[in-house]
Amino acid sequence: MIPSPHLYLVHLETDARPDGTDPLGWVELAPGLYLAESGLDRSRLYHAIKRRYAPQRLLVAPLAAAPKFKGMAPGALKWLRARGHA
């Protein structure tokens, strides 16, 4: 059984910047602030990001619903809607 994707808020401070080729499935809201969609649980996602980017700071928080936001990067709301979260 394939786990259903969960939505996470991720704060990542690192020199290596995630891009569209990253298999983790996320969108940047603002510098260092991301929404991520993953079938991984919080701990596995945290450790996957930690191993891949060796961040100076990292926060991974599950979201029960899509967040409300204003003034974030263009395309973020479209990204949410395309995944059925908004």
N, C-alpha and C. Protein backbone atom coordinates (compact mmCIF):
# COMPACT_ATOMS: atom_id res chain seq x y z
N MET A 1 0.83 -1.18 0.00
CA MET A 1 0.00 0.00 0.00
C MET A 1 0.88 1.25 0.00
N ILE A 2 0.62 2.16 -0.92
CA ILE A 2 1.38 3.40 -1.02
C ILE A 2 0.80 4.41 -0.03
N PRO A 3 1.65 4.99 0.84
CA PRO A 3 1.12 5.96 1.80
C PRO A 3 0.66 7.23 1.08
N SER A 4 -0.42 7.81 1.60
CA SER A 4 -0.90 9.05 1.00
C SER A 4 0.05 10.18 1.37
N PRO A 5 0.23 11.13 0.49
CA PRO A 5 1.18 12.21 0.77
C PRO A 5 0.67 13.13 1.89
N HIS A 6 1.61 13.60 2.67
CA HIS A 6 1.34 14.55 3.74
C HIS A 6 1.96 15.89 3.37
N LEU A 7 1.42 16.94 3.92
CA LEU A 7 1.92 18.29 3.67
C LEU A 7 2.74 18.74 4.88
N TYR A 8 3.92 19.29 4.62
CA TYR A 8 4.82 19.73 5.68
C TYR A 8 5.29 21.16 5.41
N LEU A 9 5.57 21.87 6.49
CA LEU A 9 6.25 23.16 6.42
C LEU A 9 7.70 22.89 6.77
N VAL A 10 8.61 23.34 5.91
CA VAL A 10 10.04 23.09 6.11
C VAL A 10 10.79 24.40 6.10
N HIS A 11 11.60 24.61 7.14
CA HIS A 11 12.55 25.72 7.15
C HIS A 11 13.92 25.09 7.00
N LEU A 12 14.65 25.51 5.99
CA LEU A 12 15.94 24.91 5.66
C LEU A 12 16.96 26.01 5.44
N GLU A 13 17.98 26.01 6.28
CA GLU A 13 19.08 26.96 6.09
C GLU A 13 20.30 26.15 5.68
N THR A 14 20.69 26.33 4.42
CA THR A 14 21.80 25.56 3.86
C THR A 14 22.42 26.32 2.69
N ASP A 15 23.62 25.94 2.34
CA ASP A 15 24.28 26.54 1.18
C ASP A 15 23.79 25.91 -0.11
N ALA A 16 23.33 24.65 -0.05
CA ALA A 16 22.81 23.94 -1.22
C ALA A 16 21.32 24.23 -1.34
N ARG A 17 20.91 24.78 -2.46
CA ARG A 17 19.51 25.17 -2.65
C ARG A 17 18.72 24.11 -3.39
N PRO A 18 17.60 23.66 -2.81
CA PRO A 18 16.76 22.70 -3.53
C PRO A 18 16.22 23.29 -4.84
N ASP A 19 16.00 22.43 -5.81
CA ASP A 19 15.44 22.91 -7.08
C ASP A 19 14.34 21.95 -7.54
N GLY A 20 13.81 22.17 -8.70
CA GLY A 20 12.70 21.39 -9.23
C GLY A 20 13.03 19.93 -9.49
N THR A 21 14.31 19.57 -9.51
CA THR A 21 14.68 18.18 -9.75
C THR A 21 14.73 17.37 -8.46
N ASP A 22 14.54 18.01 -7.34
CA ASP A 22 14.59 17.31 -6.05
C ASP A 22 13.43 16.33 -5.93
N PRO A 23 13.69 15.09 -5.58
CA PRO A 23 12.62 14.09 -5.49
C PRO A 23 11.70 14.28 -4.29
N LEU A 24 12.02 15.21 -3.41
CA LEU A 24 11.21 15.39 -2.21
C LEU A 24 9.87 16.06 -2.49
N GLY A 25 9.69 16.75 -3.60
CA GLY A 25 8.41 17.34 -3.95
C GLY A 25 8.05 18.54 -3.09
N TRP A 26 8.69 19.66 -3.33
CA TRP A 26 8.40 20.85 -2.54
C TRP A 26 8.43 22.11 -3.37
N VAL A 27 7.91 23.18 -2.76
CA VAL A 27 7.89 24.48 -3.41
C VAL A 27 8.39 25.51 -2.40
N GLU A 28 9.19 26.46 -2.88
CA GLU A 28 9.72 27.50 -2.00
C GLU A 28 8.68 28.60 -1.84
N LEU A 29 8.38 28.94 -0.59
CA LEU A 29 7.47 30.05 -0.29
C LEU A 29 8.23 31.36 -0.18
N ALA A 30 9.37 31.31 0.45
CA ALA A 30 10.27 32.46 0.66
C ALA A 30 11.66 31.86 0.87
N PRO A 31 12.70 32.65 0.84
CA PRO A 31 14.04 32.08 1.01
C PRO A 31 14.13 31.20 2.27
N GLY A 32 14.41 29.92 2.06
CA GLY A 32 14.57 28.99 3.16
C GLY A 32 13.28 28.40 3.72
N LEU A 33 12.13 28.83 3.22
CA LEU A 33 10.83 28.36 3.72
C LEU A 33 10.11 27.62 2.59
N TYR A 34 9.73 26.37 2.86
CA TYR A 34 9.16 25.52 1.83
C TYR A 34 7.89 24.83 2.30
N LEU A 35 7.04 24.48 1.35
CA LEU A 35 5.97 23.52 1.56
C LEU A 35 6.44 22.25 0.88
N ALA A 36 6.31 21.14 1.57
CA ALA A 36 6.73 19.85 1.01
C ALA A 36 5.56 18.88 1.06
N GLU A 37 5.44 18.07 0.02
CA GLU A 37 4.46 17.00 0.00
C GLU A 37 5.23 15.69 -0.10
N SER A 38 4.97 14.79 0.84
CA SER A 38 5.72 13.55 0.86
C SER A 38 4.90 12.43 1.47
N GLY A 39 5.14 11.22 1.01
CA GLY A 39 4.56 10.03 1.61
C GLY A 39 5.35 9.56 2.82
N LEU A 40 6.49 10.21 3.07
CA LEU A 40 7.31 9.87 4.23
C LEU A 40 6.69 10.46 5.49
N ASP A 41 6.93 9.80 6.63
CA ASP A 41 6.49 10.41 7.88
C ASP A 41 7.48 11.53 8.23
N ARG A 42 7.15 12.30 9.25
CA ARG A 42 7.96 13.49 9.59
C ARG A 42 9.42 13.13 9.86
N SER A 43 9.66 12.08 10.62
CA SER A 43 11.03 11.71 10.97
C SER A 43 11.84 11.31 9.73
N ARG A 44 11.25 10.51 8.87
CA ARG A 44 11.98 10.07 7.66
C ARG A 44 12.24 11.24 6.72
N LEU A 45 11.27 12.14 6.59
CA LEU A 45 11.48 13.32 5.75
C LEU A 45 12.58 14.20 6.33
N TYR A 46 12.54 14.43 7.64
CA TYR A 46 13.56 15.23 8.32
C TYR A 46 14.95 14.66 8.03
N HIS A 47 15.11 13.35 8.21
CA HIS A 47 16.43 12.74 8.02
C HIS A 47 16.84 12.71 6.55
N ALA A 48 15.89 12.57 5.63
CA ALA A 48 16.21 12.61 4.21
C ALA A 48 16.75 14.00 3.83
N ILE A 49 16.10 15.04 4.33
CA ILE A 49 16.55 16.41 4.05
C ILE A 49 17.90 16.65 4.72
N LYS A 50 18.04 16.21 5.95
CA LYS A 50 19.29 16.40 6.71
C LYS A 50 20.47 15.75 6.00
N ARG A 51 20.26 14.51 5.50
CA ARG A 51 21.35 13.82 4.79
C ARG A 51 21.68 14.49 3.47
N ARG A 52 20.65 14.91 2.75
CA ARG A 52 20.87 15.46 1.41
C ARG A 52 21.50 16.86 1.42
N TYR A 53 21.09 17.71 2.38
CA TYR A 53 21.52 19.11 2.36
C TYR A 53 22.47 19.53 3.47
N ALA A 54 22.69 18.70 4.48
CA ALA A 54 23.57 19.04 5.61
C ALA A 54 23.31 20.48 6.08
N PRO A 55 22.08 20.78 6.49
CA PRO A 55 21.72 22.16 6.82
C PRO A 55 22.32 22.66 8.13
N GLN A 56 22.44 23.99 8.22
CA GLN A 56 22.82 24.62 9.49
C GLN A 56 21.60 24.65 10.42
N ARG A 57 20.41 24.85 9.83
CA ARG A 57 19.15 24.85 10.58
C ARG A 57 18.12 24.07 9.77
N LEU A 58 17.27 23.35 10.49
CA LEU A 58 16.24 22.57 9.82
C LEU A 58 15.03 22.42 10.73
N LEU A 59 13.86 22.65 10.19
CA LEU A 59 12.60 22.42 10.88
C LEU A 59 11.66 21.74 9.90
N VAL A 60 11.02 20.67 10.33
CA VAL A 60 10.02 19.97 9.53
C VAL A 60 8.78 19.81 10.39
N ALA A 61 7.67 20.44 9.98
CA ALA A 61 6.44 20.40 10.76
C ALA A 61 5.29 19.94 9.88
N PRO A 62 4.54 18.93 10.33
CA PRO A 62 3.38 18.48 9.55
C PRO A 62 2.26 19.52 9.61
N LEU A 63 1.51 19.63 8.53
CA LEU A 63 0.37 20.54 8.47
C LEU A 63 -0.90 19.71 8.35
N ALA A 64 -1.91 20.04 9.14
CA ALA A 64 -3.19 19.34 9.08
C ALA A 64 -3.99 19.78 7.86
N ALA A 65 -3.74 20.98 7.38
CA ALA A 65 -4.43 21.52 6.21
C ALA A 65 -3.50 22.50 5.51
N ALA A 66 -3.88 22.88 4.31
CA ALA A 66 -3.07 23.86 3.57
C ALA A 66 -3.05 25.18 4.33
N PRO A 67 -1.89 25.82 4.41
CA PRO A 67 -1.82 27.10 5.12
C PRO A 67 -2.41 28.24 4.30
N LYS A 68 -2.81 29.28 4.98
CA LYS A 68 -3.19 30.53 4.33
C LYS A 68 -1.92 31.37 4.27
N PHE A 69 -1.69 32.05 3.17
CA PHE A 69 -0.50 32.89 3.08
C PHE A 69 -0.70 34.02 2.09
N LYS A 70 0.13 35.03 2.24
CA LYS A 70 0.11 36.21 1.36
C LYS A 70 1.55 36.65 1.15
N GLY A 71 1.86 37.07 -0.05
CA GLY A 71 3.18 37.62 -0.34
C GLY A 71 4.27 36.57 -0.49
N MET A 72 3.89 35.33 -0.69
CA MET A 72 4.89 34.28 -0.87
C MET A 72 5.27 34.19 -2.36
N ALA A 73 6.19 33.32 -2.67
CA ALA A 73 6.71 33.19 -4.04
C ALA A 73 5.59 32.88 -5.03
N PRO A 74 5.69 33.47 -6.23
CA PRO A 74 4.71 33.16 -7.27
C PRO A 74 4.69 31.66 -7.56
N GLY A 75 3.50 31.13 -7.76
CA GLY A 75 3.35 29.73 -8.10
C GLY A 75 3.09 28.82 -6.90
N ALA A 76 3.25 29.32 -5.68
CA ALA A 76 3.06 28.48 -4.50
C ALA A 76 1.60 28.02 -4.36
N LEU A 77 0.66 28.93 -4.55
CA LEU A 77 -0.75 28.56 -4.45
C LEU A 77 -1.12 27.59 -5.57
N LYS A 78 -0.59 27.82 -6.77
CA LYS A 78 -0.84 26.92 -7.89
C LYS A 78 -0.30 25.52 -7.58
N TRP A 79 0.86 25.45 -6.96
CA TRP A 79 1.46 24.17 -6.56
C TRP A 79 0.54 23.44 -5.61
N LEU A 80 0.00 24.16 -4.60
CA LEU A 80 -0.94 23.56 -3.64
C LEU A 80 -2.19 23.05 -4.33
N ARG A 81 -2.78 23.89 -5.17
CA ARG A 81 -4.02 23.52 -5.86
C ARG A 81 -3.83 22.31 -6.77
N ALA A 82 -2.69 22.25 -7.43
CA ALA A 82 -2.42 21.13 -8.34
C ALA A 82 -2.36 19.80 -7.59
N ARG A 83 -2.10 19.86 -6.30
CA ARG A 83 -2.01 18.66 -5.48
C ARG A 83 -3.27 18.44 -4.64
N GLY A 84 -4.29 19.26 -4.86
CA GLY A 84 -5.57 19.10 -4.18
C GLY A 84 -5.59 19.58 -2.74
N HIS A 85 -4.67 20.46 -2.37
CA HIS A 85 -4.60 20.94 -0.98
C HIS A 85 -5.32 22.27 -0.76
N ALA A 86 -5.63 22.99 -1.80
CA ALA A 86 -6.23 24.32 -1.59
C ALA A 86 -7.58 24.42 -2.26
